[in-house]
Amino acid sequence: MFKVFNKFCLTILLAGVLLFTTGIVSVSAQNVDIQIKDVPPQVLLSAKRVLPNAKWTMASWDLGDNGLPVIEVEGTLNGKKVEVDVYTDGGIEEVERDISESEVPSEVMTALKKYVPGFQITSVNKSETSSVIDRYEFHDANDMSVKIGEFGQRILITSEDAGH
C-alpha cells in the first residue's frame, strides 16, 4: 500500500515540478489503482459506515476537489455502482451513486436539455458532499460529462480527454 501511495506522491511531485518549471497553470494527476486489500483500514471503515451494505471491489488514489489526496473506494449496492471518496484520515469527501434518469429532479433535467440539447445520456450519478448542494453527473458515449447542481444551477461540462 505504501508503494502505491509513494507512486501517487511522486506523480504529484513531478506534476508540481512541471507546473513551476514550464508555467503551465493546470496539471491533471492520473488515478493510481490499488487493490481493495491494500486500502488503509480507516478508509475502508469510513466507506462501510456510509454504505454498510455495499460490496467493495476496487480503489484508487486521486486528488479530491480541494486538491488533497483521496482514495476512491468503488463497489456495488443493489446492483448499482457506488463510490465513496475518502481522505486518508477517514473523512468523507464525496459519495456517488448511479441512479436512473427518473430519479433526477425535473429542474436538473430542464437545465440539461436547455444548455446541452441533444445530449445522449448513457449513465447518471448523484453526488453527495458535505456541502448543502448535491449534484448530478450525466455521461455520454463520447466520454463527455455534464455536472449540474441539484436546483438546475452550476453547470460544468467536461471531457475525459481534456488535458491529455
N, C-alpha and C. Protein backbone atom coordinates (compact mmCIF):
# COMPACT_ATOMS: atom_id res chain seq x y z
N MET A 1 0.82 -1.18 0.00
CA MET A 1 0.00 0.00 0.00
C MET A 1 0.87 1.25 0.00
N PHE A 2 1.96 1.23 0.76
CA PHE A 2 2.82 2.41 0.82
C PHE A 2 3.55 2.63 -0.50
N LYS A 3 3.85 1.54 -1.24
CA LYS A 3 4.47 1.70 -2.55
C LYS A 3 3.53 2.44 -3.50
N VAL A 4 2.25 2.10 -3.44
CA VAL A 4 1.26 2.76 -4.29
C VAL A 4 1.14 4.23 -3.89
N PHE A 5 1.09 4.50 -2.59
CA PHE A 5 0.99 5.88 -2.12
C PHE A 5 2.23 6.66 -2.54
N ASN A 6 3.41 6.04 -2.41
CA ASN A 6 4.64 6.72 -2.83
C ASN A 6 4.61 7.02 -4.32
N LYS A 7 4.09 6.10 -5.13
CA LYS A 7 3.97 6.34 -6.57
C LYS A 7 3.03 7.51 -6.83
N PHE A 8 1.93 7.56 -6.11
CA PHE A 8 0.97 8.67 -6.25
C PHE A 8 1.64 9.98 -5.88
N CYS A 9 2.36 10.00 -4.74
CA CYS A 9 3.04 11.23 -4.30
C CYS A 9 4.09 11.66 -5.31
N LEU A 10 4.82 10.71 -5.87
CA LEU A 10 5.82 11.03 -6.89
C LEU A 10 5.16 11.65 -8.11
N THR A 11 4.00 11.12 -8.51
CA THR A 11 3.26 11.71 -9.64
C THR A 11 2.89 13.15 -9.34
N ILE A 12 2.41 13.41 -8.14
CA ILE A 12 2.02 14.77 -7.74
C ILE A 12 3.25 15.67 -7.70
N LEU A 13 4.36 15.18 -7.16
CA LEU A 13 5.59 15.96 -7.09
C LEU A 13 6.08 16.33 -8.48
N LEU A 14 6.10 15.35 -9.38
CA LEU A 14 6.54 15.62 -10.75
C LEU A 14 5.62 16.61 -11.45
N ALA A 15 4.33 16.49 -11.18
CA ALA A 15 3.38 17.44 -11.76
C ALA A 15 3.66 18.85 -11.24
N GLY A 16 4.00 18.97 -9.96
CA GLY A 16 4.33 20.27 -9.38
C GLY A 16 5.58 20.87 -9.98
N VAL A 17 6.61 20.02 -10.17
CA VAL A 17 7.84 20.49 -10.82
C VAL A 17 7.53 20.97 -12.23
N LEU A 18 6.73 20.22 -12.96
CA LEU A 18 6.34 20.61 -14.31
C LEU A 18 5.59 21.94 -14.29
N LEU A 19 4.73 22.11 -13.33
CA LEU A 19 3.95 23.34 -13.20
C LEU A 19 4.87 24.55 -13.02
N PHE A 20 5.82 24.44 -12.10
CA PHE A 20 6.67 25.59 -11.80
C PHE A 20 7.75 25.83 -12.84
N THR A 21 8.21 24.79 -13.52
CA THR A 21 9.28 24.99 -14.49
C THR A 21 8.79 25.35 -15.88
N THR A 22 7.52 25.07 -16.18
CA THR A 22 7.02 25.37 -17.52
C THR A 22 5.96 26.46 -17.53
N GLY A 23 5.46 26.83 -16.37
CA GLY A 23 4.44 27.87 -16.31
C GLY A 23 3.06 27.37 -16.65
N ILE A 24 2.87 26.07 -16.75
CA ILE A 24 1.55 25.52 -17.00
C ILE A 24 0.67 25.80 -15.79
N VAL A 25 -0.56 26.20 -16.02
CA VAL A 25 -1.42 26.59 -14.90
C VAL A 25 -2.30 25.48 -14.39
N SER A 26 -2.44 24.36 -15.09
CA SER A 26 -3.23 23.26 -14.54
C SER A 26 -2.60 21.94 -14.93
N VAL A 27 -2.57 21.03 -13.99
CA VAL A 27 -1.99 19.71 -14.20
C VAL A 27 -2.98 18.68 -13.69
N SER A 28 -3.17 17.62 -14.44
CA SER A 28 -4.10 16.57 -14.04
C SER A 28 -3.33 15.34 -13.62
N ALA A 29 -3.47 14.95 -12.37
CA ALA A 29 -2.83 13.73 -11.89
C ALA A 29 -3.68 12.53 -12.30
N GLN A 30 -3.02 11.46 -12.63
CA GLN A 30 -3.72 10.23 -13.01
C GLN A 30 -4.05 9.43 -11.76
N ASN A 31 -5.19 8.75 -11.79
CA ASN A 31 -5.54 7.85 -10.70
C ASN A 31 -4.52 6.73 -10.63
N VAL A 32 -4.24 6.28 -9.43
CA VAL A 32 -3.35 5.15 -9.21
C VAL A 32 -4.17 4.06 -8.56
N ASP A 33 -4.42 2.96 -9.28
CA ASP A 33 -5.24 1.87 -8.78
C ASP A 33 -4.53 1.13 -7.65
N ILE A 34 -5.33 0.72 -6.66
CA ILE A 34 -4.82 -0.12 -5.57
C ILE A 34 -5.83 -1.23 -5.33
N GLN A 35 -5.35 -2.34 -4.84
CA GLN A 35 -6.24 -3.46 -4.54
C GLN A 35 -7.02 -3.15 -3.27
N ILE A 36 -8.21 -3.65 -3.21
CA ILE A 36 -9.08 -3.37 -2.06
C ILE A 36 -8.43 -3.84 -0.75
N LYS A 37 -7.66 -4.90 -0.81
CA LYS A 37 -6.99 -5.40 0.40
C LYS A 37 -5.91 -4.45 0.90
N ASP A 38 -5.44 -3.53 0.03
CA ASP A 38 -4.40 -2.58 0.39
C ASP A 38 -4.93 -1.21 0.83
N VAL A 39 -6.25 -1.07 0.86
CA VAL A 39 -6.86 0.19 1.30
C VAL A 39 -6.64 0.31 2.81
N PRO A 40 -6.17 1.48 3.28
CA PRO A 40 -5.97 1.64 4.73
C PRO A 40 -7.26 1.35 5.50
N PRO A 41 -7.15 0.69 6.65
CA PRO A 41 -8.34 0.27 7.40
C PRO A 41 -9.30 1.41 7.73
N GLN A 42 -8.79 2.59 8.09
CA GLN A 42 -9.67 3.70 8.45
C GLN A 42 -10.46 4.20 7.24
N VAL A 43 -9.90 4.07 6.05
CA VAL A 43 -10.58 4.49 4.82
C VAL A 43 -11.70 3.51 4.49
N LEU A 44 -11.39 2.23 4.52
CA LEU A 44 -12.41 1.21 4.23
C LEU A 44 -13.53 1.23 5.27
N LEU A 45 -13.18 1.44 6.53
CA LEU A 45 -14.18 1.53 7.59
C LEU A 45 -15.12 2.71 7.34
N SER A 46 -14.58 3.84 6.92
CA SER A 46 -15.42 5.01 6.63
C SER A 46 -16.38 4.72 5.48
N ALA A 47 -15.88 4.08 4.42
CA ALA A 47 -16.75 3.74 3.29
C ALA A 47 -17.86 2.78 3.74
N LYS A 48 -17.51 1.82 4.58
CA LYS A 48 -18.50 0.86 5.08
C LYS A 48 -19.54 1.52 5.98
N ARG A 49 -19.14 2.54 6.72
CA ARG A 49 -20.09 3.25 7.58
C ARG A 49 -21.12 4.02 6.75
N VAL A 50 -20.66 4.60 5.63
CA VAL A 50 -21.55 5.40 4.78
C VAL A 50 -22.53 4.50 4.03
N LEU A 51 -22.00 3.40 3.47
CA LEU A 51 -22.82 2.45 2.70
C LEU A 51 -22.56 1.04 3.23
N PRO A 52 -23.17 0.68 4.36
CA PRO A 52 -22.84 -0.58 5.02
C PRO A 52 -23.16 -1.84 4.21
N ASN A 53 -24.07 -1.78 3.27
CA ASN A 53 -24.43 -2.98 2.52
C ASN A 53 -23.77 -3.07 1.15
N ALA A 54 -22.86 -2.15 0.87
CA ALA A 54 -22.17 -2.18 -0.42
C ALA A 54 -21.12 -3.28 -0.43
N LYS A 55 -20.85 -3.79 -1.64
CA LYS A 55 -19.77 -4.76 -1.83
C LYS A 55 -18.62 -3.99 -2.48
N TRP A 56 -17.52 -3.82 -1.77
CA TRP A 56 -16.39 -3.03 -2.24
C TRP A 56 -15.47 -3.89 -3.10
N THR A 57 -15.14 -3.40 -4.30
CA THR A 57 -14.40 -4.24 -5.25
C THR A 57 -13.08 -3.65 -5.71
N MET A 58 -12.93 -2.33 -5.70
CA MET A 58 -11.69 -1.72 -6.18
C MET A 58 -11.50 -0.35 -5.55
N ALA A 59 -10.29 0.19 -5.69
CA ALA A 59 -9.99 1.51 -5.15
C ALA A 59 -8.87 2.14 -5.95
N SER A 60 -8.75 3.46 -5.81
CA SER A 60 -7.65 4.18 -6.46
C SER A 60 -7.37 5.47 -5.71
N TRP A 61 -6.09 5.89 -5.77
CA TRP A 61 -5.69 7.18 -5.24
C TRP A 61 -6.06 8.23 -6.27
N ASP A 62 -6.50 9.39 -5.81
CA ASP A 62 -6.81 10.50 -6.69
C ASP A 62 -6.68 11.79 -5.88
N LEU A 63 -6.91 12.91 -6.53
CA LEU A 63 -6.98 14.18 -5.83
C LEU A 63 -8.43 14.57 -5.66
N GLY A 64 -8.79 15.01 -4.48
CA GLY A 64 -10.15 15.48 -4.24
C GLY A 64 -10.36 16.84 -4.87
N ASP A 65 -11.59 17.34 -4.79
CA ASP A 65 -11.92 18.64 -5.37
C ASP A 65 -11.09 19.77 -4.75
N ASN A 66 -10.62 19.57 -3.51
CA ASN A 66 -9.84 20.59 -2.83
C ASN A 66 -8.33 20.39 -3.01
N GLY A 67 -7.93 19.42 -3.83
CA GLY A 67 -6.52 19.17 -4.09
C GLY A 67 -5.85 18.21 -3.13
N LEU A 68 -6.55 17.75 -2.10
CA LEU A 68 -5.98 16.80 -1.15
C LEU A 68 -6.15 15.38 -1.66
N PRO A 69 -5.22 14.48 -1.32
CA PRO A 69 -5.36 13.08 -1.77
C PRO A 69 -6.57 12.41 -1.15
N VAL A 70 -7.27 11.64 -1.97
CA VAL A 70 -8.39 10.82 -1.51
C VAL A 70 -8.23 9.43 -2.09
N ILE A 71 -8.86 8.48 -1.45
CA ILE A 71 -8.95 7.14 -2.00
C ILE A 71 -10.39 6.95 -2.44
N GLU A 72 -10.58 6.66 -3.72
CA GLU A 72 -11.90 6.40 -4.26
C GLU A 72 -12.18 4.91 -4.10
N VAL A 73 -13.10 4.58 -3.21
CA VAL A 73 -13.45 3.19 -2.95
C VAL A 73 -14.72 2.90 -3.75
N GLU A 74 -14.65 1.93 -4.67
CA GLU A 74 -15.76 1.63 -5.57
C GLU A 74 -16.34 0.26 -5.30
N GLY A 75 -17.64 0.15 -5.57
CA GLY A 75 -18.31 -1.12 -5.41
C GLY A 75 -19.71 -1.07 -5.97
N THR A 76 -20.55 -1.97 -5.48
CA THR A 76 -21.94 -2.01 -5.92
C THR A 76 -22.86 -2.10 -4.71
N LEU A 77 -24.08 -1.57 -4.91
CA LEU A 77 -25.12 -1.64 -3.90
C LEU A 77 -26.43 -1.82 -4.63
N ASN A 78 -27.11 -2.91 -4.35
CA ASN A 78 -28.36 -3.24 -5.03
C ASN A 78 -28.19 -3.24 -6.55
N GLY A 79 -27.05 -3.75 -7.01
CA GLY A 79 -26.80 -3.87 -8.44
C GLY A 79 -26.36 -2.60 -9.14
N LYS A 80 -26.19 -1.50 -8.39
CA LYS A 80 -25.78 -0.23 -8.98
C LYS A 80 -24.41 0.17 -8.45
N LYS A 81 -23.65 0.86 -9.31
CA LYS A 81 -22.31 1.30 -8.94
C LYS A 81 -22.37 2.40 -7.89
N VAL A 82 -21.47 2.30 -6.90
CA VAL A 82 -21.32 3.33 -5.87
C VAL A 82 -19.83 3.63 -5.70
N GLU A 83 -19.55 4.83 -5.23
CA GLU A 83 -18.17 5.23 -4.97
C GLU A 83 -18.16 6.17 -3.78
N VAL A 84 -17.22 5.94 -2.87
CA VAL A 84 -17.03 6.83 -1.73
C VAL A 84 -15.60 7.33 -1.80
N ASP A 85 -15.44 8.67 -1.85
CA ASP A 85 -14.11 9.28 -1.86
C ASP A 85 -13.77 9.65 -0.42
N VAL A 86 -12.69 9.03 0.08
CA VAL A 86 -12.34 9.14 1.50
C VAL A 86 -10.94 9.73 1.63
N TYR A 87 -10.79 10.74 2.51
CA TYR A 87 -9.46 11.27 2.84
C TYR A 87 -8.69 10.22 3.62
N THR A 88 -7.38 10.35 3.66
CA THR A 88 -6.55 9.35 4.33
C THR A 88 -6.82 9.26 5.83
N ASP A 89 -7.40 10.32 6.42
CA ASP A 89 -7.73 10.26 7.84
C ASP A 89 -9.10 9.64 8.11
N GLY A 90 -9.79 9.23 7.03
CA GLY A 90 -11.10 8.61 7.17
C GLY A 90 -12.27 9.55 6.94
N GLY A 91 -12.00 10.83 6.76
CA GLY A 91 -13.07 11.79 6.48
C GLY A 91 -13.64 11.57 5.08
N ILE A 92 -14.92 11.82 4.93
CA ILE A 92 -15.60 11.61 3.65
C ILE A 92 -15.58 12.89 2.82
N GLU A 93 -15.14 12.80 1.58
CA GLU A 93 -15.22 13.93 0.67
C GLU A 93 -16.52 13.89 -0.13
N GLU A 94 -16.86 12.70 -0.65
CA GLU A 94 -18.00 12.61 -1.57
C GLU A 94 -18.52 11.18 -1.62
N VAL A 95 -19.83 11.07 -1.85
CA VAL A 95 -20.46 9.77 -2.07
C VAL A 95 -21.21 9.86 -3.40
N GLU A 96 -20.90 8.95 -4.33
CA GLU A 96 -21.55 8.92 -5.63
C GLU A 96 -22.33 7.62 -5.78
N ARG A 97 -23.55 7.75 -6.33
CA ARG A 97 -24.39 6.57 -6.57
C ARG A 97 -24.96 6.66 -7.97
N ASP A 98 -24.89 5.57 -8.72
CA ASP A 98 -25.57 5.52 -10.01
C ASP A 98 -27.07 5.53 -9.76
N ILE A 99 -27.79 6.32 -10.55
CA ILE A 99 -29.24 6.39 -10.43
C ILE A 99 -29.85 6.33 -11.83
N SER A 100 -31.15 6.17 -11.89
CA SER A 100 -31.84 6.18 -13.18
C SER A 100 -32.26 7.61 -13.51
N GLU A 101 -32.52 7.87 -14.78
CA GLU A 101 -32.96 9.20 -15.20
C GLU A 101 -34.22 9.63 -14.46
N SER A 102 -35.10 8.69 -14.16
CA SER A 102 -36.36 9.03 -13.49
C SER A 102 -36.14 9.56 -12.07
N GLU A 103 -34.97 9.34 -11.50
CA GLU A 103 -34.67 9.82 -10.16
C GLU A 103 -34.09 11.24 -10.15
N VAL A 104 -33.84 11.81 -11.33
CA VAL A 104 -33.25 13.14 -11.44
C VAL A 104 -34.37 14.18 -11.32
N PRO A 105 -34.18 15.21 -10.47
CA PRO A 105 -35.21 16.25 -10.34
C PRO A 105 -35.49 16.95 -11.68
N SER A 106 -36.72 17.38 -11.87
CA SER A 106 -37.12 17.99 -13.14
C SER A 106 -36.32 19.25 -13.45
N GLU A 107 -35.95 20.04 -12.42
CA GLU A 107 -35.15 21.25 -12.65
C GLU A 107 -33.80 20.92 -13.28
N VAL A 108 -33.24 19.81 -12.86
CA VAL A 108 -31.94 19.40 -13.37
C VAL A 108 -32.07 18.91 -14.81
N MET A 109 -33.09 18.12 -15.10
CA MET A 109 -33.30 17.65 -16.48
C MET A 109 -33.59 18.83 -17.41
N THR A 110 -34.33 19.81 -16.94
CA THR A 110 -34.63 21.00 -17.75
C THR A 110 -33.34 21.74 -18.08
N ALA A 111 -32.46 21.91 -17.10
CA ALA A 111 -31.17 22.58 -17.33
C ALA A 111 -30.32 21.81 -18.33
N LEU A 112 -30.30 20.48 -18.22
CA LEU A 112 -29.53 19.67 -19.16
C LEU A 112 -30.03 19.89 -20.58
N LYS A 113 -31.34 19.82 -20.76
CA LYS A 113 -31.92 19.98 -22.11
C LYS A 113 -31.71 21.39 -22.65
N LYS A 114 -31.72 22.37 -21.76
CA LYS A 114 -31.55 23.77 -22.19
C LYS A 114 -30.11 24.07 -22.60
N TYR A 115 -29.14 23.65 -21.78
CA TYR A 115 -27.75 24.03 -22.01
C TYR A 115 -26.96 23.03 -22.84
N VAL A 116 -27.43 21.80 -22.90
CA VAL A 116 -26.74 20.78 -23.71
C VAL A 116 -27.80 20.00 -24.49
N PRO A 117 -28.46 20.67 -25.43
CA PRO A 117 -29.53 20.00 -26.18
C PRO A 117 -28.98 18.82 -26.98
N GLY A 118 -29.73 17.74 -27.00
CA GLY A 118 -29.32 16.56 -27.75
C GLY A 118 -28.33 15.67 -27.03
N PHE A 119 -27.99 15.98 -25.79
CA PHE A 119 -27.05 15.15 -25.03
C PHE A 119 -27.64 13.76 -24.85
N GLN A 120 -26.89 12.73 -25.26
CA GLN A 120 -27.36 11.35 -25.18
C GLN A 120 -26.83 10.70 -23.89
N ILE A 121 -27.68 10.56 -22.92
CA ILE A 121 -27.29 10.04 -21.60
C ILE A 121 -27.03 8.54 -21.67
N THR A 122 -25.84 8.13 -21.19
CA THR A 122 -25.56 6.70 -21.04
C THR A 122 -25.60 6.29 -19.57
N SER A 123 -25.29 7.24 -18.67
CA SER A 123 -25.38 6.95 -17.23
C SER A 123 -25.53 8.26 -16.46
N VAL A 124 -26.08 8.14 -15.26
CA VAL A 124 -26.28 9.28 -14.37
C VAL A 124 -25.86 8.87 -12.98
N ASN A 125 -25.17 9.78 -12.27
CA ASN A 125 -24.95 9.51 -10.86
C ASN A 125 -25.24 10.75 -10.04
N LYS A 126 -25.61 10.51 -8.80
CA LYS A 126 -25.86 11.58 -7.84
C LYS A 126 -24.67 11.65 -6.91
N SER A 127 -24.18 12.85 -6.72
CA SER A 127 -23.02 13.08 -5.87
C SER A 127 -23.45 13.85 -4.64
N GLU A 128 -23.14 13.31 -3.48
CA GLU A 128 -23.46 13.97 -2.22
C GLU A 128 -22.15 14.32 -1.52
N THR A 129 -22.03 15.58 -1.11
CA THR A 129 -20.84 16.02 -0.40
C THR A 129 -21.24 16.59 0.95
N SER A 130 -20.27 17.03 1.69
CA SER A 130 -20.57 17.63 2.99
C SER A 130 -21.22 19.00 2.83
N SER A 131 -21.13 19.57 1.63
CA SER A 131 -21.80 20.85 1.40
C SER A 131 -23.30 20.63 1.24
N VAL A 132 -24.06 21.69 1.28
CA VAL A 132 -25.52 21.60 1.21
C VAL A 132 -25.99 21.16 -0.18
N ILE A 133 -25.29 21.58 -1.22
CA ILE A 133 -25.71 21.33 -2.59
C ILE A 133 -25.19 19.98 -3.07
N ASP A 134 -26.10 19.16 -3.57
CA ASP A 134 -25.72 17.92 -4.24
C ASP A 134 -25.63 18.22 -5.73
N ARG A 135 -25.08 17.28 -6.49
CA ARG A 135 -25.03 17.48 -7.94
C ARG A 135 -25.31 16.17 -8.65
N TYR A 136 -25.71 16.32 -9.89
CA TYR A 136 -26.00 15.18 -10.74
C TYR A 136 -24.99 15.23 -11.88
N GLU A 137 -24.43 14.06 -12.22
CA GLU A 137 -23.44 13.98 -13.29
C GLU A 137 -23.95 13.04 -14.36
N PHE A 138 -24.04 13.57 -15.57
CA PHE A 138 -24.52 12.82 -16.73
C PHE A 138 -23.32 12.47 -17.60
N HIS A 139 -23.30 11.26 -18.15
CA HIS A 139 -22.22 10.82 -19.02
C HIS A 139 -22.80 10.38 -20.36
N ASP A 140 -21.99 10.54 -21.42
CA ASP A 140 -22.41 10.04 -22.73
C ASP A 140 -21.37 9.06 -23.26
N ALA A 141 -21.60 8.51 -24.43
CA ALA A 141 -20.71 7.51 -25.01
C ALA A 141 -19.39 8.10 -25.49
N ASN A 142 -19.29 9.43 -25.58
CA ASN A 142 -18.07 10.09 -26.06
C ASN A 142 -17.19 10.61 -24.94
N ASP A 143 -17.35 10.09 -23.74
CA ASP A 143 -16.58 10.50 -22.55
C ASP A 143 -16.80 11.95 -22.15
N MET A 144 -17.95 12.51 -22.51
CA MET A 144 -18.30 13.85 -22.05
C MET A 144 -19.14 13.69 -20.79
N SER A 145 -18.97 14.61 -19.86
CA SER A 145 -19.83 14.61 -18.68
C SER A 145 -20.36 16.01 -18.44
N VAL A 146 -21.55 16.06 -17.91
CA VAL A 146 -22.20 17.32 -17.56
C VAL A 146 -22.60 17.21 -16.10
N LYS A 147 -22.11 18.16 -15.30
CA LYS A 147 -22.43 18.19 -13.88
C LYS A 147 -23.37 19.37 -13.64
N ILE A 148 -24.47 19.09 -12.94
CA ILE A 148 -25.48 20.11 -12.69
C ILE A 148 -25.89 20.06 -11.22
N GLY A 149 -25.95 21.23 -10.58
CA GLY A 149 -26.37 21.33 -9.19
C GLY A 149 -27.81 20.90 -9.01
N GLU A 150 -28.19 20.58 -7.79
CA GLU A 150 -29.49 19.97 -7.52
C GLU A 150 -30.69 20.84 -7.86
N PHE A 151 -30.50 22.13 -8.06
CA PHE A 151 -31.62 23.00 -8.43
C PHE A 151 -31.51 23.48 -9.87
N GLY A 152 -30.66 22.81 -10.66
CA GLY A 152 -30.50 23.18 -12.06
C GLY A 152 -29.52 24.30 -12.29
N GLN A 153 -28.74 24.66 -11.28
CA GLN A 153 -27.74 25.71 -11.40
C GLN A 153 -26.35 25.09 -11.43
N ARG A 154 -25.34 25.89 -11.59
CA ARG A 154 -23.93 25.46 -11.59
C ARG A 154 -23.69 24.31 -12.56
N ILE A 155 -23.59 24.63 -13.80
CA ILE A 155 -23.41 23.63 -14.84
C ILE A 155 -21.95 23.59 -15.25
N LEU A 156 -21.38 22.39 -15.31
CA LEU A 156 -20.00 22.20 -15.73
C LEU A 156 -19.97 21.09 -16.76
N ILE A 157 -19.40 21.38 -17.93
CA ILE A 157 -19.29 20.39 -19.00
C ILE A 157 -17.82 20.05 -19.16
N THR A 158 -17.49 18.76 -19.08
CA THR A 158 -16.09 18.34 -19.21
C THR A 158 -15.98 17.15 -20.15
N SER A 159 -14.76 16.88 -20.56
CA SER A 159 -14.46 15.71 -21.38
C SER A 159 -13.35 14.94 -20.70
N GLU A 160 -13.46 13.62 -20.72
CA GLU A 160 -12.42 12.78 -20.13
C GLU A 160 -11.08 12.96 -20.83
N ASP A 161 -11.11 13.42 -22.09
CA ASP A 161 -9.88 13.62 -22.85
C ASP A 161 -9.27 14.99 -22.62
N ALA A 162 -9.92 15.87 -21.89
CA ALA A 162 -9.42 17.22 -21.69
C ALA A 162 -8.06 17.17 -21.00
N GLY A 163 -7.12 17.88 -21.54
CA GLY A 163 -5.79 17.97 -20.95
C GLY A 163 -4.87 16.82 -21.29
N HIS A 164 -5.31 15.86 -22.08
CA HIS A 164 -4.44 14.72 -22.42
C HIS A 164 -3.85 14.91 -23.78
